[in-house]
């Protein structure tokens, strides 16, 4: 997969995301929403950063199982029950992202929502990736 991160000078400089990603490849991977569920189906982590780390790990696990890497992510949407808490935690969440997924940021959006499927869940991530040919 090749990914060109597009961040036009006429837009506000991005921090922790890309304004656009032009991805070329032959396989699309659509990633279901992932929360901080452990292997037993229980939400783990009491804080937003703890849950974000687990949700991201779950998303990357699904991506790896499909043959992808974090650099293949073209788009990620973050659903959060408390946008103010997300903004306050942004430096720590950015550190978690960089340690887990690197600095090749996908196009991203953060969406405030009333609640998630599991009432204890504070954050959910979904997205899609573009993978190259298996022969690449």
N, C-alpha and C. Protein backbone atom coordinates (compact mmCIF):
# COMPACT_ATOMS: atom_id res chain seq x y z
N UNK A 1 0.84 -1.16 0.00
CA UNK A 1 0.00 0.00 0.00
C UNK A 1 0.88 1.23 0.00
N UNK A 2 0.47 2.22 -0.73
CA UNK A 2 1.12 3.53 -0.61
C UNK A 2 0.09 4.49 -0.06
N UNK A 3 0.55 5.38 0.79
CA UNK A 3 -0.33 6.36 1.39
C UNK A 3 0.33 7.72 1.33
N UNK A 4 -0.35 8.64 0.72
CA UNK A 4 0.12 10.02 0.67
C UNK A 4 -0.72 10.82 1.64
N UNK A 5 -0.06 11.39 2.67
CA UNK A 5 -0.75 12.23 3.63
C UNK A 5 -0.83 13.64 3.03
N UNK A 6 -2.03 14.19 2.94
CA UNK A 6 -2.25 15.48 2.32
C UNK A 6 -2.71 16.47 3.40
N UNK A 7 -1.89 17.49 3.63
CA UNK A 7 -2.19 18.50 4.63
C UNK A 7 -1.97 19.88 4.01
N UNK A 8 -2.99 20.41 3.33
CA UNK A 8 -2.85 21.66 2.59
C UNK A 8 -2.49 22.84 3.49
N UNK A 9 -1.66 23.75 2.99
CA UNK A 9 -1.26 24.90 3.80
C UNK A 9 -2.43 25.82 4.14
N UNK A 10 -3.52 25.78 3.42
CA UNK A 10 -4.67 26.63 3.71
C UNK A 10 -5.52 26.15 4.85
N UNK A 11 -5.23 24.95 5.38
CA UNK A 11 -5.97 24.41 6.53
C UNK A 11 -5.11 24.51 7.78
N UNK A 12 -5.76 24.50 8.92
CA UNK A 12 -5.05 24.52 10.19
C UNK A 12 -4.08 23.35 10.25
N UNK A 13 -2.86 23.55 10.77
CA UNK A 13 -1.90 22.44 10.84
C UNK A 13 -2.48 21.28 11.67
N UNK A 14 -2.42 20.07 11.14
CA UNK A 14 -2.97 18.94 11.87
C UNK A 14 -2.06 18.52 13.02
N UNK A 15 -2.66 18.07 14.09
CA UNK A 15 -1.92 17.54 15.24
C UNK A 15 -2.51 16.18 15.56
N UNK A 16 -1.80 15.12 15.23
CA UNK A 16 -2.27 13.78 15.53
C UNK A 16 -3.22 13.21 14.51
N UNK A 17 -3.32 13.81 13.34
CA UNK A 17 -4.15 13.29 12.26
C UNK A 17 -3.67 13.90 10.97
N UNK A 18 -4.16 13.38 9.85
CA UNK A 18 -3.92 13.98 8.54
C UNK A 18 -5.26 14.47 8.01
N UNK A 19 -5.23 15.60 7.27
CA UNK A 19 -6.49 16.11 6.71
C UNK A 19 -7.05 15.16 5.65
N UNK A 20 -6.18 14.55 4.88
CA UNK A 20 -6.61 13.61 3.86
C UNK A 20 -5.51 12.57 3.66
N UNK A 21 -5.92 11.40 3.24
CA UNK A 21 -4.97 10.33 2.91
C UNK A 21 -5.38 9.76 1.56
N UNK A 22 -4.46 9.80 0.61
CA UNK A 22 -4.68 9.18 -0.69
C UNK A 22 -3.98 7.83 -0.62
N UNK A 23 -4.78 6.77 -0.62
CA UNK A 23 -4.23 5.42 -0.46
C UNK A 23 -4.45 4.63 -1.73
N UNK A 24 -3.41 3.92 -2.15
CA UNK A 24 -3.53 3.02 -3.28
C UNK A 24 -3.11 1.63 -2.83
N UNK A 25 -3.88 0.67 -3.21
CA UNK A 25 -3.62 -0.71 -2.84
C UNK A 25 -4.70 -1.57 -3.47
N UNK A 26 -4.67 -2.82 -3.16
CA UNK A 26 -5.62 -3.71 -3.81
C UNK A 26 -6.65 -4.32 -2.86
N UNK A 27 -6.44 -4.14 -1.56
CA UNK A 27 -7.38 -4.76 -0.61
C UNK A 27 -7.81 -3.72 0.42
N UNK A 28 -9.12 -3.65 0.65
CA UNK A 28 -9.66 -2.79 1.69
C UNK A 28 -10.00 -3.63 2.90
N UNK A 29 -9.68 -3.12 4.08
CA UNK A 29 -10.04 -3.79 5.32
C UNK A 29 -10.91 -2.81 6.11
N UNK A 30 -12.16 -3.20 6.36
CA UNK A 30 -13.07 -2.39 7.15
C UNK A 30 -13.04 -2.92 8.57
N UNK A 31 -12.69 -2.05 9.50
CA UNK A 31 -12.49 -2.45 10.89
C UNK A 31 -13.69 -2.06 11.73
N UNK A 32 -14.29 -3.05 12.37
CA UNK A 32 -15.44 -2.80 13.24
C UNK A 32 -15.02 -1.96 14.45
N UNK A 33 -15.99 -1.31 15.03
CA UNK A 33 -15.72 -0.51 16.22
C UNK A 33 -15.15 -1.37 17.34
N UNK A 34 -14.10 -0.88 17.95
CA UNK A 34 -13.45 -1.59 19.04
C UNK A 34 -13.46 -0.71 20.29
N UNK A 35 -13.89 -1.30 21.39
CA UNK A 35 -13.84 -0.63 22.68
C UNK A 35 -12.77 -1.32 23.52
N UNK A 36 -12.79 -1.06 24.81
CA UNK A 36 -11.77 -1.62 25.71
C UNK A 36 -12.18 -2.99 26.23
N UNK A 37 -12.77 -3.82 25.39
CA UNK A 37 -13.15 -5.16 25.81
C UNK A 37 -11.94 -6.08 25.87
N UNK A 38 -11.89 -6.88 26.94
CA UNK A 38 -10.84 -7.89 27.02
C UNK A 38 -11.35 -9.16 26.33
N UNK A 39 -10.56 -10.22 26.36
CA UNK A 39 -10.91 -11.47 25.67
C UNK A 39 -12.16 -12.12 26.25
N UNK A 40 -12.54 -11.75 27.49
CA UNK A 40 -13.75 -12.30 28.11
C UNK A 40 -14.97 -11.41 27.87
N UNK A 41 -14.81 -10.33 27.10
CA UNK A 41 -15.93 -9.46 26.79
C UNK A 41 -16.25 -8.46 27.88
N UNK A 42 -15.28 -8.18 28.74
CA UNK A 42 -15.48 -7.21 29.82
C UNK A 42 -14.69 -5.94 29.51
N UNK A 43 -15.30 -4.77 29.77
CA UNK A 43 -14.61 -3.50 29.57
C UNK A 43 -13.55 -3.36 30.65
N UNK A 44 -12.33 -3.07 30.24
CA UNK A 44 -11.22 -2.89 31.18
C UNK A 44 -10.70 -1.46 31.10
N UNK A 45 -10.24 -0.96 32.23
CA UNK A 45 -9.70 0.39 32.30
C UNK A 45 -10.72 1.35 32.86
N UNK A 46 -10.33 2.10 33.86
CA UNK A 46 -11.24 3.05 34.49
C UNK A 46 -11.14 4.44 33.89
N UNK A 47 -10.03 4.75 33.23
CA UNK A 47 -9.83 6.09 32.69
C UNK A 47 -9.96 6.08 31.17
N UNK A 48 -10.20 7.24 30.60
CA UNK A 48 -10.25 7.36 29.15
C UNK A 48 -8.94 6.92 28.50
N UNK A 49 -7.76 7.38 29.00
CA UNK A 49 -6.52 6.90 28.37
C UNK A 49 -6.35 5.38 28.45
N UNK A 50 -6.70 4.77 29.59
CA UNK A 50 -6.60 3.32 29.70
C UNK A 50 -7.50 2.63 28.68
N UNK A 51 -8.73 3.10 28.57
CA UNK A 51 -9.66 2.49 27.62
C UNK A 51 -9.24 2.77 26.18
N UNK A 52 -8.73 3.96 25.90
CA UNK A 52 -8.25 4.29 24.56
C UNK A 52 -7.13 3.34 24.16
N UNK A 53 -6.19 3.11 25.07
CA UNK A 53 -5.06 2.21 24.77
C UNK A 53 -5.56 0.81 24.43
N UNK A 54 -6.53 0.31 25.18
CA UNK A 54 -7.06 -1.04 24.93
C UNK A 54 -7.86 -1.08 23.63
N UNK A 55 -8.68 -0.06 23.39
CA UNK A 55 -9.47 -0.02 22.16
C UNK A 55 -8.56 0.05 20.94
N UNK A 56 -7.50 0.86 21.02
CA UNK A 56 -6.55 0.95 19.92
C UNK A 56 -5.83 -0.38 19.73
N UNK A 57 -5.43 -1.02 20.82
CA UNK A 57 -4.78 -2.32 20.72
C UNK A 57 -5.71 -3.33 20.06
N UNK A 58 -6.99 -3.30 20.41
CA UNK A 58 -7.96 -4.21 19.81
C UNK A 58 -8.10 -3.93 18.31
N UNK A 59 -8.17 -2.64 17.93
CA UNK A 59 -8.27 -2.28 16.52
C UNK A 59 -7.05 -2.77 15.74
N UNK A 60 -5.86 -2.56 16.33
CA UNK A 60 -4.63 -2.98 15.65
C UNK A 60 -4.50 -4.50 15.59
N UNK A 61 -5.05 -5.19 16.58
CA UNK A 61 -5.06 -6.66 16.55
C UNK A 61 -5.92 -7.16 15.40
N UNK A 62 -7.10 -6.56 15.23
CA UNK A 62 -7.97 -6.95 14.12
C UNK A 62 -7.29 -6.65 12.79
N UNK A 63 -6.65 -5.48 12.70
CA UNK A 63 -5.94 -5.10 11.47
C UNK A 63 -4.81 -6.08 11.17
N UNK A 64 -4.02 -6.44 12.17
CA UNK A 64 -2.92 -7.39 11.97
C UNK A 64 -3.44 -8.75 11.52
N UNK A 65 -4.56 -9.18 12.09
CA UNK A 65 -5.14 -10.48 11.71
C UNK A 65 -5.57 -10.47 10.25
N UNK A 66 -5.89 -9.28 9.72
CA UNK A 66 -6.27 -9.16 8.31
C UNK A 66 -5.06 -8.93 7.41
N UNK A 67 -3.87 -8.90 8.01
CA UNK A 67 -2.64 -8.74 7.24
C UNK A 67 -2.12 -7.32 7.13
N UNK A 68 -2.66 -6.40 7.93
CA UNK A 68 -2.26 -5.00 7.85
C UNK A 68 -1.39 -4.54 9.00
N UNK A 69 -0.87 -3.34 8.83
CA UNK A 69 -0.05 -2.69 9.85
C UNK A 69 -0.66 -1.31 10.13
N UNK A 70 -0.26 -0.66 11.22
CA UNK A 70 -0.79 0.68 11.50
C UNK A 70 -0.59 1.66 10.34
N UNK A 71 0.49 1.53 9.59
CA UNK A 71 0.74 2.43 8.47
C UNK A 71 -0.28 2.27 7.35
N UNK A 72 -1.02 1.16 7.34
CA UNK A 72 -2.04 0.92 6.33
C UNK A 72 -3.36 1.62 6.65
N UNK A 73 -3.52 2.15 7.86
CA UNK A 73 -4.77 2.81 8.23
C UNK A 73 -4.96 4.05 7.38
N UNK A 74 -6.09 4.14 6.72
CA UNK A 74 -6.42 5.32 5.92
C UNK A 74 -7.39 6.23 6.67
N UNK A 75 -8.25 5.67 7.51
CA UNK A 75 -9.27 6.45 8.21
C UNK A 75 -9.58 5.79 9.54
N UNK A 76 -9.69 6.61 10.59
CA UNK A 76 -10.11 6.14 11.91
C UNK A 76 -11.11 7.16 12.46
N UNK A 77 -12.20 6.66 13.02
CA UNK A 77 -13.16 7.51 13.71
C UNK A 77 -13.12 7.13 15.18
N UNK A 78 -13.04 8.14 16.04
CA UNK A 78 -13.04 7.96 17.48
C UNK A 78 -14.39 8.46 18.00
N UNK A 79 -15.13 7.58 18.65
CA UNK A 79 -16.40 7.93 19.28
C UNK A 79 -16.14 8.02 20.78
N UNK A 80 -16.50 9.14 21.38
CA UNK A 80 -16.18 9.34 22.79
C UNK A 80 -17.40 9.90 23.52
N UNK A 81 -17.61 9.43 24.74
CA UNK A 81 -18.77 9.87 25.52
C UNK A 81 -18.55 11.21 26.21
N UNK A 82 -17.31 11.71 26.23
CA UNK A 82 -17.02 12.98 26.88
C UNK A 82 -15.92 13.69 26.08
N UNK A 83 -16.32 14.58 25.18
CA UNK A 83 -15.36 15.26 24.32
C UNK A 83 -14.41 16.12 25.15
N UNK A 84 -14.91 16.77 26.20
CA UNK A 84 -14.04 17.61 27.05
C UNK A 84 -12.95 16.76 27.69
N UNK A 85 -13.29 15.58 28.15
CA UNK A 85 -12.28 14.68 28.75
C UNK A 85 -11.29 14.24 27.68
N UNK A 86 -11.75 14.00 26.46
CA UNK A 86 -10.86 13.62 25.36
C UNK A 86 -9.87 14.74 25.09
N UNK A 87 -10.36 15.97 25.00
CA UNK A 87 -9.48 17.12 24.76
C UNK A 87 -8.47 17.28 25.88
N UNK A 88 -8.92 17.11 27.12
CA UNK A 88 -8.02 17.25 28.27
C UNK A 88 -6.95 16.15 28.27
N UNK A 89 -7.30 14.99 27.75
CA UNK A 89 -6.37 13.85 27.71
C UNK A 89 -5.58 13.78 26.42
N UNK A 90 -5.77 14.73 25.51
CA UNK A 90 -5.18 14.65 24.17
C UNK A 90 -3.67 14.40 24.18
N UNK A 91 -2.88 15.08 25.02
CA UNK A 91 -1.44 14.79 24.99
C UNK A 91 -1.12 13.32 25.32
N UNK A 92 -1.80 12.77 26.31
CA UNK A 92 -1.56 11.37 26.68
C UNK A 92 -2.09 10.42 25.60
N UNK A 93 -3.25 10.74 25.02
CA UNK A 93 -3.80 9.90 23.96
C UNK A 93 -2.88 9.92 22.74
N UNK A 94 -2.30 11.09 22.45
CA UNK A 94 -1.35 11.18 21.35
C UNK A 94 -0.12 10.33 21.59
N UNK A 95 0.37 10.33 22.82
CA UNK A 95 1.52 9.49 23.16
C UNK A 95 1.17 8.01 22.99
N UNK A 96 -0.01 7.63 23.45
CA UNK A 96 -0.45 6.23 23.31
C UNK A 96 -0.52 5.86 21.83
N UNK A 97 -1.10 6.75 21.01
CA UNK A 97 -1.19 6.48 19.57
C UNK A 97 0.20 6.29 18.97
N UNK A 98 1.11 7.24 19.24
CA UNK A 98 2.45 7.17 18.64
C UNK A 98 3.18 5.90 19.07
N UNK A 99 3.06 5.50 20.34
CA UNK A 99 3.73 4.28 20.81
C UNK A 99 3.14 3.03 20.18
N UNK A 100 1.84 3.04 19.90
CA UNK A 100 1.17 1.86 19.36
C UNK A 100 1.12 1.82 17.84
N UNK A 101 0.92 3.00 17.22
CA UNK A 101 0.65 3.03 15.79
C UNK A 101 1.64 3.88 14.99
N UNK A 102 2.52 4.59 15.66
CA UNK A 102 3.51 5.39 14.95
C UNK A 102 3.00 6.78 14.61
N UNK A 103 3.71 7.41 13.68
CA UNK A 103 3.42 8.81 13.32
C UNK A 103 2.82 8.96 11.92
N UNK A 104 2.52 7.86 11.25
CA UNK A 104 1.84 7.94 9.96
C UNK A 104 0.34 8.00 10.24
N UNK A 105 -0.14 9.24 10.49
CA UNK A 105 -1.51 9.40 10.95
C UNK A 105 -2.52 9.23 9.81
N UNK A 106 -3.61 8.52 10.09
CA UNK A 106 -4.69 8.43 9.12
C UNK A 106 -5.54 9.70 9.18
N UNK A 107 -6.47 9.83 8.24
CA UNK A 107 -7.51 10.84 8.37
C UNK A 107 -8.35 10.42 9.58
N UNK A 108 -8.68 11.37 10.43
CA UNK A 108 -9.38 11.02 11.67
C UNK A 108 -10.49 12.00 11.97
N UNK A 109 -11.45 11.55 12.76
CA UNK A 109 -12.50 12.40 13.30
C UNK A 109 -12.79 11.93 14.71
N UNK A 110 -13.15 12.86 15.57
CA UNK A 110 -13.62 12.55 16.93
C UNK A 110 -15.08 12.97 16.98
N UNK A 111 -15.94 12.05 17.40
CA UNK A 111 -17.36 12.29 17.45
C UNK A 111 -17.86 12.09 18.88
N UNK A 112 -18.50 13.11 19.43
CA UNK A 112 -19.10 12.99 20.76
C UNK A 112 -20.43 12.28 20.66
N UNK A 113 -20.63 11.30 21.54
CA UNK A 113 -21.87 10.52 21.54
C UNK A 113 -22.42 10.42 22.96
N UNK A 114 -23.66 10.03 23.08
CA UNK A 114 -24.30 9.94 24.40
C UNK A 114 -23.77 8.75 25.17
N UNK A 115 -23.70 7.59 24.52
CA UNK A 115 -23.17 6.39 25.17
C UNK A 115 -22.85 5.35 24.12
N UNK A 116 -22.10 4.34 24.56
CA UNK A 116 -21.73 3.22 23.69
C UNK A 116 -22.54 1.99 24.09
N UNK A 117 -22.39 0.94 23.31
CA UNK A 117 -23.15 -0.29 23.55
C UNK A 117 -22.95 -0.79 24.98
N UNK A 118 -21.69 -0.90 25.41
CA UNK A 118 -21.39 -1.28 26.79
C UNK A 118 -21.36 0.00 27.61
N UNK A 119 -22.21 0.09 28.62
CA UNK A 119 -22.34 1.33 29.38
C UNK A 119 -21.04 1.80 30.01
N UNK A 120 -20.13 0.88 30.34
CA UNK A 120 -18.86 1.24 30.97
C UNK A 120 -17.85 1.81 29.97
N UNK A 121 -18.10 1.60 28.68
CA UNK A 121 -17.16 2.02 27.64
C UNK A 121 -17.20 3.55 27.49
N UNK A 122 -16.01 4.13 27.41
CA UNK A 122 -15.86 5.58 27.27
C UNK A 122 -15.46 5.98 25.85
N UNK A 123 -14.91 5.02 25.09
CA UNK A 123 -14.38 5.34 23.76
C UNK A 123 -14.47 4.11 22.86
N UNK A 124 -14.66 4.37 21.57
CA UNK A 124 -14.68 3.31 20.56
C UNK A 124 -13.97 3.83 19.33
N UNK A 125 -13.19 2.96 18.68
CA UNK A 125 -12.48 3.33 17.46
C UNK A 125 -12.88 2.37 16.35
N UNK A 126 -13.15 2.91 15.17
CA UNK A 126 -13.32 2.08 13.99
C UNK A 126 -12.56 2.72 12.84
N UNK A 127 -12.49 2.04 11.71
CA UNK A 127 -11.77 2.62 10.60
C UNK A 127 -11.66 1.68 9.43
N UNK A 128 -10.83 2.11 8.48
CA UNK A 128 -10.51 1.20 7.38
C UNK A 128 -9.07 1.39 6.97
N UNK A 129 -8.55 0.35 6.37
CA UNK A 129 -7.15 0.33 5.92
C UNK A 129 -7.13 -0.11 4.47
N UNK A 130 -6.06 0.29 3.79
CA UNK A 130 -5.84 -0.12 2.41
C UNK A 130 -4.52 -0.89 2.39
N UNK A 131 -4.59 -2.15 1.97
CA UNK A 131 -3.42 -3.01 1.94
C UNK A 131 -2.98 -3.24 0.50
N UNK A 132 -1.68 -3.40 0.33
CA UNK A 132 -1.15 -3.73 -0.99
C UNK A 132 -1.44 -5.17 -1.33
N UNK A 133 -1.05 -5.55 -2.52
CA UNK A 133 -1.15 -6.94 -2.94
C UNK A 133 -0.39 -7.82 -1.97
N UNK A 134 -0.83 -9.01 -1.74
CA UNK A 134 -0.09 -9.95 -0.89
C UNK A 134 1.28 -10.26 -1.47
N UNK A 135 1.44 -10.03 -2.76
CA UNK A 135 2.72 -10.30 -3.41
C UNK A 135 3.68 -9.12 -3.31
N UNK A 136 3.20 -7.95 -2.78
CA UNK A 136 4.05 -6.77 -2.65
C UNK A 136 5.17 -6.98 -1.67
